[in-house]
């Protein structure tokens, strides 16, 4: 068992005011006057500091974090190695722009990515700021390298909020509504969703491939872009064999296989990358979230012949691979290795799946428990059916929040609750959070 990092704020959940408390409520009123209403807020408690798996708000409440800032702070909050690395880098220099006067930490991050991402082939990387930026640049690389234009994406997918990545994302509200027109040459095919389609991986892949070949034509496809386990779409885990079949098809037809590992990467699923589970070797991998422990950093890592096909100056960005974010990534990767957080993710997964499947036996609103490693979700349904139950999901999230537990909704239908705890969470903290979640589920049963 990996214990929570020693914390000056304590390691236990503690609710001392109503949530949100008075200071958070006052801050929220200030927010309304100056922050765009287009930015949602899931839980309006304003955080003052955080350590390990605990968030402390301005009213002194200690919240148990089962969301990790949407899979970002996988190594926990305020990890000393990361704090030291960032502090030292800020004292040295904060920015030069790697395209103007470069620095070693950018190169070191790319060396780590070449070593960690699947496959023994030669790889090169380019660093960016966000997952959407990484996906957009991966598509640019694939189109240039292949001379083709069509991009294949999947139902329930989420790839970002830029114009191109909105086109790649499936769900309309809130991500796409009235923001068009969108980028062309994006084609959507069915995802393997075992709970809802009842298909084997091979059957689901054959279905998707038939549509691609019929409606688009393999010779027109630059890339197939897929989340190995879907994130915002509902933690949809494809049936075994689905990803390998798609990978083989792309290889056979000269299509670039892009694995969007932005939410799944860096030990989250119990492997360094989710595609490792079935031995799939993508041509390009996009990463962000868990890469730099909370600092804004993303990467596109791919076969050298693809990445290096881009003309000089074709990739870049002023802040991409910022030196402060780069050293944060190096500290994060070292922490993942040194603390064996890959193994810990598997332990967390065993605990989550066992607990939630036991809970499922006691209630009628959990249709499925699914996930891998420390990336687990429950899909909520109307009892006796598979009709999505978004009302129950919202009520459960609210209950958890009122009791000091941060959990996140997701899913195309708004009926999925996802758990993404920091990988340093202790067994005791995990049991506490699951106890609150169980009470929440039973309260709406």
Protein backbone atom coordinates (compact mmCIF):
# COMPACT_ATOMS: atom_id res chain seq x y z
CA UNK A 1 0.00 0.00 0.00
CA UNK A 2 1.20 3.51 -0.83
CA UNK A 3 0.37 5.99 1.92
CA UNK A 4 -0.68 9.56 1.25
CA UNK A 5 2.19 12.04 1.26
CA UNK A 6 2.72 13.50 4.73
CA UNK A 7 0.59 16.61 4.88
CA UNK A 8 0.63 19.72 7.01
CA UNK A 9 -3.12 20.00 6.44
CA UNK A 10 -3.97 16.49 7.58
CA UNK A 11 -5.02 13.50 5.56
CA UNK A 12 -8.68 13.21 6.54
CA UNK A 13 -11.84 14.61 5.03
CA UNK A 14 -13.28 17.27 7.31
CA UNK A 15 -16.38 19.41 6.75
CA UNK A 16 -16.57 22.40 9.09
CA UNK A 17 -19.12 24.61 7.30
CA UNK A 18 -21.95 24.11 4.90
CA UNK A 19 -20.63 23.54 1.39
CA UNK A 20 -19.98 25.88 -0.20
CA UNK A 21 -19.02 27.88 2.88
CA UNK A 22 -19.48 31.62 3.38
CA UNK A 23 -16.10 32.65 2.02
CA UNK A 24 -16.57 30.49 -1.07
CA UNK A 25 -20.02 31.94 -1.56
CA UNK A 26 -18.59 35.46 -1.40
CA UNK A 27 -15.89 34.58 -3.91
CA UNK A 28 -18.49 33.08 -6.18
CA UNK A 29 -20.39 36.35 -6.22
CA UNK A 30 -17.18 38.14 -7.21
CA UNK A 31 -16.66 35.56 -9.94
CA UNK A 32 -20.08 36.23 -11.45
CA UNK A 33 -19.17 39.89 -12.00
CA UNK A 34 -15.95 39.30 -13.93
CA UNK A 35 -15.71 35.70 -15.19
CA UNK A 36 -17.55 34.62 -18.34
CA UNK A 37 -20.73 32.70 -17.64
CA UNK A 38 -19.61 30.31 -20.37
CA UNK A 39 -17.22 28.68 -17.89
CA UNK A 40 -19.11 26.14 -15.86
CA UNK A 41 -18.33 25.32 -12.24
CA UNK A 42 -19.13 21.89 -10.93
CA UNK A 43 -18.53 22.58 -7.23
CA UNK A 44 -18.18 26.26 -6.20
CA UNK A 45 -15.81 25.77 -3.28
CA UNK A 46 -12.70 27.89 -3.70
CA UNK A 47 -9.46 26.07 -2.97
CA UNK A 48 -6.71 27.69 -0.94
CA UNK A 49 -4.19 24.86 -0.80
CA UNK A 50 -3.93 21.14 -1.40
CA UNK A 51 -1.68 18.28 -0.41
CA UNK A 52 -1.76 14.59 -1.21
CA UNK A 53 -5.39 13.68 -1.86
CA UNK A 54 -6.86 16.55 0.19
CA UNK A 55 -8.12 19.92 -1.04
CA UNK A 56 -8.52 22.70 1.53
CA UNK A 57 -10.98 25.46 0.73
CA UNK A 58 -11.02 29.07 1.91
CA UNK A 59 -13.45 28.15 4.71
CA UNK A 60 -11.16 25.47 6.12
CA UNK A 61 -13.04 22.45 4.80
CA UNK A 62 -10.86 19.49 3.85
CA UNK A 63 -12.22 17.76 0.77
CA UNK A 64 -11.28 14.30 -0.45
CA UNK A 65 -10.25 14.58 -4.08
CA UNK A 66 -11.49 11.68 -6.24
CA UNK A 67 -11.13 13.67 -9.46
CA UNK A 68 -7.46 14.77 -9.57
CA UNK A 69 -8.41 17.87 -11.53
CA UNK A 70 -9.74 15.53 -14.26
CA UNK A 71 -6.83 13.05 -14.16
CA UNK A 72 -4.15 15.74 -13.92
CA UNK A 73 -2.70 15.52 -10.41
CA UNK A 74 -2.13 11.78 -10.54
CA UNK A 75 0.91 11.96 -8.25
CA UNK A 76 -1.06 14.01 -5.73
CA UNK A 77 -1.04 17.65 -4.73
CA UNK A 78 2.05 19.57 -3.55
CA UNK A 79 4.45 16.69 -4.13
CA UNK A 80 7.83 17.86 -2.76
CA UNK A 81 9.86 16.70 -5.77
CA UNK A 82 7.61 18.61 -8.16
CA UNK A 83 7.47 21.71 -5.93
CA UNK A 84 11.27 21.77 -5.68
CA UNK A 85 11.77 21.30 -9.43
CA UNK A 86 9.32 24.04 -10.34
CA UNK A 87 10.68 26.44 -7.70
CA UNK A 88 14.25 26.00 -8.88
CA UNK A 89 13.25 26.47 -12.51
CA UNK A 90 11.26 29.64 -11.77
CA UNK A 91 14.31 31.03 -10.00
CA UNK A 92 16.48 30.24 -13.05
CA UNK A 93 14.22 31.37 -15.91
CA UNK A 94 10.54 31.04 -16.75
CA UNK A 95 10.56 31.34 -20.53
CA UNK A 96 12.73 31.82 -23.59
CA UNK A 97 10.56 30.10 -26.24
CA UNK A 98 12.11 26.79 -27.27
CA UNK A 99 11.97 27.83 -30.92
CA UNK A 100 14.15 30.87 -30.19
CA UNK A 101 16.71 29.78 -27.60
CA UNK A 102 16.17 26.16 -26.49
CA UNK A 103 16.91 24.42 -23.19
CA UNK A 104 17.71 20.92 -21.96
CA UNK A 105 14.50 20.10 -20.07
CA UNK A 106 12.45 20.12 -23.29
CA UNK A 107 14.84 17.60 -24.81
CA UNK A 108 14.74 15.48 -21.65
CA UNK A 109 10.94 15.32 -21.73
CA UNK A 110 11.06 14.17 -25.35
CA UNK A 111 13.64 11.53 -24.43
CA UNK A 112 11.33 10.22 -21.70
CA UNK A 113 8.38 10.16 -24.10
CA UNK A 114 10.40 8.23 -26.67
CA UNK A 115 11.26 5.68 -24.00
CA UNK A 116 7.84 5.36 -22.36
CA UNK A 117 5.38 5.40 -25.26
CA UNK A 118 4.62 2.04 -26.89
CA UNK A 119 6.92 0.56 -29.52
CA UNK A 120 10.68 0.26 -30.03
CA UNK A 121 10.73 2.31 -33.26
CA UNK A 122 12.45 5.69 -33.50
CA UNK A 123 10.20 8.46 -32.17
CA UNK A 124 10.25 12.22 -31.96
CA UNK A 125 7.97 14.60 -30.09
CA UNK A 126 6.69 18.15 -30.09
CA UNK A 127 5.44 19.79 -26.89
CA UNK A 128 2.36 21.99 -26.54
CA UNK A 129 0.12 23.44 -23.82
CA UNK A 130 -3.14 21.49 -23.82
CA UNK A 131 -4.64 18.22 -24.92
CA UNK A 132 -6.70 19.90 -27.63
CA UNK A 133 -3.57 21.51 -29.02
CA UNK A 134 -1.81 18.14 -29.06
CA UNK A 135 -4.69 16.45 -30.89
CA UNK A 136 -4.91 19.24 -33.43
CA UNK A 137 -1.20 18.99 -34.19
CA UNK A 138 -1.36 15.19 -34.42
CA UNK A 139 -4.00 15.57 -37.11
CA UNK A 140 -1.82 18.11 -38.93
CA UNK A 141 1.10 15.67 -38.91
CA UNK A 142 -1.02 12.78 -40.17
CA UNK A 143 -2.51 14.81 -43.02
CA UNK A 144 0.84 16.14 -44.14
CA UNK A 145 2.64 12.81 -43.91
CA UNK A 146 -0.04 10.84 -45.78
CA UNK A 147 -1.23 13.47 -48.24
CA UNK A 148 -4.80 12.52 -47.30
CA UNK A 149 -7.48 14.54 -45.55
CA UNK A 150 -10.13 12.33 -43.91
CA UNK A 151 -10.02 11.77 -40.14
CA UNK A 152 -11.98 8.93 -38.51
CA UNK A 153 -13.32 9.48 -34.99
CA UNK A 154 -15.84 7.65 -32.82
CA UNK A 155 -19.19 8.05 -31.16
CA UNK A 156 -18.97 9.44 -27.60
CA UNK A 157 -15.46 10.80 -28.27
CA UNK A 158 -14.07 13.92 -26.67
CA UNK A 159 -10.94 15.51 -28.13
CA UNK A 160 -11.12 19.19 -27.20
CA UNK A 161 -12.73 22.60 -27.69
CA UNK A 162 -10.76 24.27 -30.50
CA UNK A 163 -12.52 24.48 -33.85
CA UNK A 164 -10.92 21.32 -35.23
CA UNK A 165 -11.19 19.37 -32.00
CA UNK A 166 -14.84 20.38 -31.60
CA UNK A 167 -15.40 18.71 -34.96
CA UNK A 168 -13.62 15.64 -33.61
CA UNK A 169 -15.67 15.66 -30.39
CA UNK A 170 -19.02 13.88 -30.52
CA UNK A 171 -21.27 15.56 -27.96
CA UNK A 172 -23.06 18.73 -28.98
CA UNK A 173 -24.02 20.32 -25.65
CA UNK A 174 -22.10 21.99 -24.12
CA UNK A 175 -19.06 21.54 -26.32
CA UNK A 176 -20.28 22.40 -29.84
CA UNK A 177 -23.70 24.01 -29.73
CA UNK A 178 -23.84 27.12 -32.00
CA UNK A 179 -20.02 27.24 -32.33
CA UNK A 180 -19.91 26.07 -35.95
CA UNK A 181 -19.17 25.83 -38.78
CA UNK A 182 -16.66 23.14 -37.96
CA UNK A 183 -13.62 21.81 -39.73
CA UNK A 184 -14.45 19.44 -42.62
CA UNK A 185 -13.32 15.91 -43.49
CA UNK A 186 -14.15 14.42 -40.10
CA UNK A 187 -16.12 11.16 -40.14
CA UNK A 188 -17.67 9.47 -37.11
CA UNK A 189 -18.18 5.72 -36.70
CA UNK A 190 -19.59 3.56 -33.87
CA UNK A 191 -17.49 2.94 -30.79
CA UNK A 192 -17.31 -0.44 -29.11
CA UNK A 193 -19.62 0.06 -26.11
CA UNK A 194 -20.20 -3.45 -24.76
CA UNK A 195 -22.87 -2.46 -22.23
CA UNK A 196 -25.02 -0.90 -24.93
CA UNK A 197 -24.12 -2.67 -28.20
CA UNK A 198 -23.58 -6.23 -26.96
CA UNK A 199 -20.88 -6.81 -29.58
CA UNK A 200 -17.52 -8.50 -29.28
CA UNK A 201 -14.45 -6.43 -30.07
CA UNK A 202 -14.05 -8.14 -33.43
CA UNK A 203 -17.70 -7.54 -34.34
CA UNK A 204 -17.62 -3.89 -33.33
CA UNK A 205 -14.39 -3.31 -35.25
CA UNK A 206 -15.78 -4.99 -38.36
CA UNK A 207 -18.84 -2.76 -38.13
CA UNK A 208 -16.74 0.41 -37.88
CA UNK A 209 -14.38 -0.65 -40.66
CA UNK A 210 -17.25 -1.45 -43.01
CA UNK A 211 -18.62 2.06 -42.55
CA UNK A 212 -15.20 3.64 -43.09
CA UNK A 213 -14.58 1.70 -46.30
CA UNK A 214 -18.10 2.29 -47.61
CA UNK A 215 -18.67 5.91 -46.65
CA UNK A 216 -15.15 7.35 -46.78
CA UNK A 217 -12.80 4.97 -48.59
CA UNK A 218 -9.62 3.70 -46.95
CA UNK A 219 -7.48 5.46 -49.56
CA UNK A 220 -8.81 8.84 -48.38
CA UNK A 221 -8.16 8.35 -44.66
CA UNK A 222 -5.20 10.15 -43.12
CA UNK A 223 -5.75 9.02 -39.54
CA UNK A 224 -7.95 7.07 -37.19
CA UNK A 225 -8.14 8.90 -33.84
CA UNK A 226 -9.37 7.10 -30.74
CA UNK A 227 -9.31 7.25 -26.95
CA UNK A 228 -8.34 3.72 -25.81
CA UNK A 229 -10.78 4.23 -22.94
CA UNK A 230 -13.11 7.12 -23.56
CA UNK A 231 -13.06 9.92 -21.00
CA UNK A 232 -15.78 12.55 -21.17
CA UNK A 233 -17.88 10.13 -23.23
CA UNK A 234 -18.44 7.94 -20.17
CA UNK A 235 -15.31 5.88 -19.43
CA UNK A 236 -16.36 3.53 -22.20
CA UNK A 237 -13.99 0.56 -22.26
CA UNK A 238 -14.04 -1.12 -25.69
CA UNK A 239 -14.40 -4.87 -25.88
CA UNK A 240 -11.19 -6.87 -26.05
CA UNK A 241 -9.93 -7.11 -29.62
CA UNK A 242 -11.50 -3.86 -30.83
CA UNK A 243 -8.33 -1.76 -30.68
CA UNK A 244 -6.03 -4.44 -32.14
CA UNK A 245 -8.39 -4.96 -35.08
CA UNK A 246 -8.50 -1.23 -35.82
CA UNK A 247 -4.72 -1.01 -35.49
CA UNK A 248 -4.23 -3.82 -37.98
CA UNK A 249 -6.62 -2.17 -40.43
CA UNK A 250 -4.74 1.11 -40.25
CA UNK A 251 -1.43 -0.63 -40.85
CA UNK A 252 -2.82 -2.54 -43.81
CA UNK A 253 -4.15 0.65 -45.42
CA UNK A 254 -1.41 3.17 -44.65
CA UNK A 255 -3.60 5.05 -42.16
CA UNK A 256 -2.02 6.75 -39.13
CA UNK A 257 -3.31 5.30 -35.85
CA UNK A 258 -3.49 8.11 -33.27
CA UNK A 259 -4.08 7.11 -29.65
CA UNK A 260 -5.51 9.98 -27.62
CA UNK A 261 -4.04 9.10 -24.22
CA UNK A 262 -4.68 12.51 -22.73
CA UNK A 263 -6.88 11.20 -19.90
CA UNK A 264 -5.63 7.61 -19.84
CA UNK A 265 -1.87 8.13 -20.01
CA UNK A 266 0.87 8.03 -17.37
CA UNK A 267 -0.16 5.05 -15.24
CA UNK A 268 -3.81 6.06 -14.81
CA UNK A 269 -5.15 2.73 -16.10
CA UNK A 270 -2.51 0.50 -14.50
CA UNK A 271 -0.23 0.65 -17.53
CA UNK A 272 1.90 3.57 -18.66
CA UNK A 273 -0.60 3.91 -21.51
CA UNK A 274 -4.01 2.33 -21.93
CA UNK A 275 -3.11 0.79 -25.31
CA UNK A 276 -0.45 -1.27 -23.54
CA UNK A 277 -3.20 -3.50 -22.15
CA UNK A 278 -3.62 -5.22 -25.53
CA UNK A 279 -0.16 -4.53 -26.92
CA UNK A 280 -1.34 -1.97 -29.46
CA UNK A 281 1.46 0.24 -30.84
CA UNK A 282 0.08 3.52 -32.18
CA UNK A 283 1.81 5.58 -34.85
CA UNK A 284 1.19 8.74 -32.81
CA UNK A 285 0.30 9.22 -29.14
CA UNK A 286 -1.12 12.44 -27.71
CA UNK A 287 -0.63 13.16 -24.02
CA UNK A 288 -1.37 15.95 -21.54
CA UNK A 289 -3.24 15.88 -18.17
CA UNK A 290 -1.14 13.48 -16.06
CA UNK A 291 2.10 14.39 -17.83
CA UNK A 292 3.18 17.34 -15.69
CA UNK A 293 1.41 17.10 -12.36
CA UNK A 294 -0.75 20.17 -12.81
CA UNK A 295 1.46 22.35 -15.00
CA UNK A 296 0.17 22.99 -18.55
CA UNK A 297 2.03 20.63 -20.86
CA UNK A 298 0.99 18.35 -23.72
CA UNK A 299 2.85 16.29 -26.26
CA UNK A 300 2.59 14.66 -29.65
CA UNK A 301 4.91 11.67 -29.86
CA UNK A 302 5.12 9.63 -33.03
CA UNK A 303 7.11 7.62 -35.48
CA UNK A 304 10.11 9.68 -36.47
CA UNK A 305 9.34 9.41 -40.17
CA UNK A 306 5.90 10.94 -39.57
CA UNK A 307 6.89 13.66 -37.13
CA UNK A 308 9.98 14.61 -39.11
CA UNK A 309 8.06 14.84 -42.37
CA UNK A 310 6.76 18.23 -41.24
CA UNK A 311 8.56 21.20 -42.80
CA UNK A 312 10.68 23.40 -40.54
CA UNK A 313 8.45 25.80 -38.64
CA UNK A 314 5.33 23.73 -39.28
CA UNK A 315 4.97 22.84 -35.60
CA UNK A 316 5.35 25.08 -32.59
CA UNK A 317 3.82 27.70 -30.34
CA UNK A 318 5.12 30.41 -28.06
CA UNK A 319 4.60 28.58 -24.77
CA UNK A 320 4.83 24.96 -25.93
CA UNK A 321 7.22 22.99 -23.72
CA UNK A 322 7.66 25.90 -21.32
CA UNK A 323 10.68 25.18 -19.08
CA UNK A 324 8.67 25.31 -15.83
CA UNK A 325 6.17 22.78 -17.20
CA UNK A 326 8.97 20.65 -18.61
CA UNK A 327 10.75 20.21 -15.27
CA UNK A 328 7.37 19.46 -13.70
CA UNK A 329 6.92 16.64 -16.20
CA UNK A 330 10.34 15.22 -15.40
CA UNK A 331 9.57 15.30 -11.68
CA UNK A 332 6.17 13.71 -12.31
CA UNK A 333 7.59 10.86 -14.37
CA UNK A 334 10.29 10.24 -11.75
CA UNK A 335 7.68 10.15 -8.99
CA UNK A 336 5.53 7.70 -10.96
CA UNK A 337 8.57 5.42 -11.30
CA UNK A 338 10.04 5.83 -7.82
CA UNK A 339 6.77 5.27 -5.98
CA UNK A 340 5.60 2.47 -8.32
CA UNK A 341 2.38 4.33 -8.95
CA UNK A 342 1.69 2.08 -11.91
CA UNK A 343 1.32 -0.79 -9.45
CA UNK A 344 -0.66 1.42 -7.12
CA UNK A 345 -3.10 2.26 -9.92
CA UNK A 346 -3.81 -1.45 -10.29
CA UNK A 347 -4.37 -1.81 -6.54
CA UNK A 348 -6.76 1.14 -6.58
CA UNK A 349 -8.60 -0.40 -9.52
CA UNK A 350 -9.06 -3.69 -7.67
CA UNK A 351 -10.47 -1.86 -4.65
CA UNK A 352 -12.79 0.37 -6.70
CA UNK A 353 -14.15 -2.41 -8.89
CA UNK A 354 -14.74 -4.81 -5.99
CA UNK A 355 -16.48 -2.15 -3.88
CA UNK A 356 -18.66 -0.76 -6.65
CA UNK A 357 -19.67 -4.18 -7.98
CA UNK A 358 -20.72 -5.14 -4.47
CA UNK A 359 -22.73 -1.92 -4.28
CA UNK A 360 -24.29 -2.74 -7.65
CA UNK A 361 -25.75 -5.93 -6.16
CA UNK A 362 -27.59 -3.86 -3.55
CA UNK A 363 -29.14 -1.20 -5.79
CA UNK A 364 -31.09 -1.12 -9.03
CA UNK A 365 -29.78 2.11 -10.54
CA UNK A 366 -26.24 0.98 -11.38
CA UNK A 367 -26.32 -0.51 -14.84
CA UNK A 368 -22.61 -1.15 -15.17
CA UNK A 369 -19.38 -0.75 -13.25
CA UNK A 370 -16.44 -0.41 -15.62
CA UNK A 371 -12.91 0.87 -15.97
CA UNK A 372 -9.31 -0.10 -15.51
CA UNK A 373 -6.80 0.88 -12.88
CA UNK A 374 -7.60 4.16 -11.16
CA UNK A 375 -10.06 5.10 -13.91
CA UNK A 376 -13.39 3.60 -12.92
CA UNK A 377 -17.01 4.64 -13.40
CA UNK A 378 -20.59 3.65 -12.69
CA UNK A 379 -23.29 4.08 -15.33
CA UNK A 380 -26.67 4.93 -13.84
CA UNK A 381 -29.94 3.74 -15.36
CA UNK A 382 -33.65 3.72 -14.68
CA UNK A 383 -34.23 0.50 -12.70
CA UNK A 384 -35.09 -2.46 -14.88
CA UNK A 385 -34.01 -0.73 -18.09
CA UNK A 386 -30.91 0.67 -19.75
CA UNK A 387 -32.44 4.13 -19.97
CA UNK A 388 -29.80 6.67 -18.87
CA UNK A 389 -30.52 8.22 -15.47
CA UNK A 390 -28.89 11.65 -15.46
CA UNK A 391 -31.12 12.84 -12.61
CA UNK A 392 -29.68 10.21 -10.28
CA UNK A 393 -26.13 11.06 -11.35
CA UNK A 394 -26.65 14.71 -10.53
CA UNK A 395 -28.18 13.89 -7.14
CA UNK A 396 -25.31 11.55 -6.25
CA UNK A 397 -22.67 14.12 -7.20
CA UNK A 398 -24.47 16.73 -5.10
CA UNK A 399 -24.61 14.40 -2.09
CA UNK A 400 -20.88 13.66 -2.39
CA UNK A 401 -20.08 17.37 -2.61
CA UNK A 402 -22.16 18.20 0.45
CA UNK A 403 -20.18 15.58 2.36
CA UNK A 404 -16.77 16.80 1.21
CA UNK A 405 -15.99 14.37 -1.59
CA UNK A 406 -15.08 15.57 -5.06
CA UNK A 407 -16.42 13.22 -7.75
CA UNK A 408 -17.06 14.00 -11.40
CA UNK A 409 -19.89 13.32 -13.85
CA UNK A 410 -19.37 12.39 -17.48
CA UNK A 411 -21.02 10.51 -20.32
CA UNK A 412 -22.86 11.37 -23.49
CA UNK A 413 -26.13 11.09 -21.57
CA UNK A 414 -24.88 12.70 -18.35
CA UNK A 415 -25.50 9.49 -16.42
CA UNK A 416 -21.99 8.34 -15.54
CA UNK A 417 -19.98 9.08 -12.40
CA UNK A 418 -16.24 8.72 -12.82
CA UNK A 419 -13.56 8.21 -10.20
CA UNK A 420 -10.02 9.44 -10.87
CA UNK A 421 -8.32 9.50 -7.46
CA UNK A 422 -4.70 10.56 -7.07
CA UNK A 423 -2.52 7.48 -7.28
CA UNK A 424 -1.02 8.29 -3.87
CA UNK A 425 -4.40 8.04 -2.13
CA UNK A 426 -4.30 5.76 0.91
CA UNK A 427 -6.53 2.74 1.38
CA UNK A 428 -8.18 4.55 4.30
CA UNK A 429 -8.96 7.64 2.22
CA UNK A 430 -10.26 5.49 -0.61
CA UNK A 431 -12.53 3.57 1.76
CA UNK A 432 -13.83 6.85 3.18
CA UNK A 433 -14.64 8.22 -0.27
CA UNK A 434 -16.30 5.00 -1.37
CA UNK A 435 -18.36 5.02 1.81
CA UNK A 436 -19.72 8.46 0.99
CA UNK A 437 -20.37 7.45 -2.61
CA UNK A 438 -22.20 4.34 -1.47
CA UNK A 439 -24.38 6.37 0.88
CA UNK A 440 -25.06 8.79 -1.98
CA UNK A 441 -26.17 6.01 -4.33
CA UNK A 442 -28.43 4.48 -1.70
CA UNK A 443 -29.94 7.88 -0.92
CA UNK A 444 -31.32 8.19 -4.46
CA UNK A 445 -32.20 4.51 -4.88
